[in-house]
Amino acid sequence: MEFNKSRSGTVTIDEFEAMLGRLEVPAERRYITELFKKLDANKSGTIEFCSFFTHSS
């Protein structure tokens, strides 16, 4: 999990933003925050990796 620097199995908003940047997805922070909130199903402030892949498939 290259984007999950803490190896916690979850992704923080900063890790999510870094991942999008690394994938060359241009987006303003406000849009990243909005998308992050939609993917954060349990409102924990992190995205669980399994949740992320469930939403993206």
C-alpha atoms as a PDB file:
ATOM      1  CA  MET A   1       0.000   0.000   0.000  1.00  0.00           C
ATOM      2  CA  GLU A   2       2.212   2.761  -1.263  1.00  0.00           C
ATOM      3  CA  PHE A   3      -0.353   5.441  -0.505  1.00  0.00           C
ATOM      4  CA  ASN A   4      -1.045   4.280   3.047  1.00  0.00           C
ATOM      5  CA  LYS A   5       2.164   5.509   4.662  1.00  0.00           C
ATOM      6  CA  SER A   6       1.086   4.562   8.180  1.00  0.00           C
ATOM      7  CA  ARG A   7       0.178   1.035   6.987  1.00  0.00           C
ATOM      8  CA  SER A   8      -3.020   1.247   9.018  1.00  0.00           C
ATOM      9  CA  GLY A   9      -5.303  -0.130   6.308  1.00  0.00           C
ATOM     10  CA  THR A  10      -7.023   3.232   6.160  1.00  0.00           C
ATOM     11  CA  VAL A  11      -6.309   6.343   4.118  1.00  0.00           C
ATOM     12  CA  THR A  12      -6.377   9.849   5.581  1.00  0.00           C
ATOM     13  CA  ILE A  13      -7.427  12.853   3.549  1.00  0.00           C
ATOM     14  CA  ASP A  14      -3.771  13.872   3.191  1.00  0.00           C
ATOM     15  CA  GLU A  15      -2.852  10.400   1.900  1.00  0.00           C
ATOM     16  CA  PHE A  16      -5.873  10.508  -0.418  1.00  0.00           C
ATOM     17  CA  GLU A  17      -4.808  13.892  -1.795  1.00  0.00           C
ATOM     18  CA  ALA A  18      -1.250  12.626  -2.290  1.00  0.00           C
ATOM     19  CA  MET A  19      -2.588   9.538  -4.081  1.00  0.00           C
ATOM     20  CA  LEU A  20      -4.648  11.675  -6.482  1.00  0.00           C
ATOM     21  CA  GLY A  21      -1.630  13.895  -7.125  1.00  0.00           C
ATOM     22  CA  ARG A  22       0.580  10.889  -7.794  1.00  0.00           C
ATOM     23  CA  LEU A  23      -2.014   9.589 -10.245  1.00  0.00           C
ATOM     24  CA  GLU A  24      -2.010  13.042 -11.876  1.00  0.00           C
ATOM     25  CA  VAL A  25      -5.669  13.700 -11.063  1.00  0.00           C
ATOM     26  CA  PRO A  26      -5.912  17.478 -10.835  1.00  0.00           C
ATOM     27  CA  ALA A  27      -8.387  18.630  -8.204  1.00  0.00           C
ATOM     28  CA  GLU A  28      -8.770  21.483  -5.765  1.00  0.00           C
ATOM     29  CA  ARG A  29      -8.694  20.632  -2.071  1.00  0.00           C
ATOM     30  CA  ARG A  30     -12.400  21.465  -1.663  1.00  0.00           C
ATOM     31  CA  TYR A  31     -13.349  18.850  -4.279  1.00  0.00           C
ATOM     32  CA  ILE A  32     -11.013  16.299  -2.766  1.00  0.00           C
ATOM     33  CA  THR A  33     -12.616  16.946   0.631  1.00  0.00           C
ATOM     34  CA  GLU A  34     -16.109  16.518  -0.804  1.00  0.00           C
ATOM     35  CA  LEU A  35     -15.198  13.226  -2.488  1.00  0.00           C
ATOM     36  CA  PHE A  36     -13.388  12.031   0.628  1.00  0.00           C
ATOM     37  CA  LYS A  37     -16.472  12.658   2.758  1.00  0.00           C
ATOM     38  CA  LYS A  38     -18.586  10.589   0.357  1.00  0.00           C
ATOM     39  CA  LEU A  39     -16.126   7.700   0.522  1.00  0.00           C
ATOM     40  CA  ASP A  40     -15.804   7.885   4.326  1.00  0.00           C
ATOM     41  CA  ALA A  41     -18.894   5.738   4.910  1.00  0.00           C
ATOM     42  CA  ASN A  42     -18.613   5.522   8.697  1.00  0.00           C
ATOM     43  CA  LYS A  43     -17.535   9.171   9.127  1.00  0.00           C
ATOM     44  CA  SER A  44     -14.325   8.170  10.911  1.00  0.00           C
ATOM     45  CA  GLY A  45     -12.138  10.677   9.096  1.00  0.00           C
ATOM     46  CA  THR A  46     -10.441   7.904   7.150  1.00  0.00           C
ATOM     47  CA  ILE A  47     -11.298   5.671   4.222  1.00  0.00           C
ATOM     48  CA  GLU A  48     -10.863   1.974   4.773  1.00  0.00           C
ATOM     49  CA  PHE A  49      -9.056   0.453   1.834  1.00  0.00           C
ATOM     50  CA  CYS A  50     -11.765  -2.168   1.282  1.00  0.00           C
ATOM     51  CA  SER A  51     -14.422   0.589   1.243  1.00  0.00           C
ATOM     52  CA  PHE A  52     -12.437   2.574  -1.289  1.00  0.00           C
ATOM     53  CA  PHE A  53     -12.260  -0.348  -3.706  1.00  0.00           C
ATOM     54  CA  THR A  54     -15.933  -1.183  -3.166  1.00  0.00           C
ATOM     55  CA  HIS A  55     -16.908   2.356  -4.212  1.00  0.00           C
ATOM     56  CA  SER A  56     -14.524   2.470  -7.140  1.00  0.00           C
ATOM     57  CA  SER A  57     -15.621  -0.743  -8.836  1.00  0.00           C
END
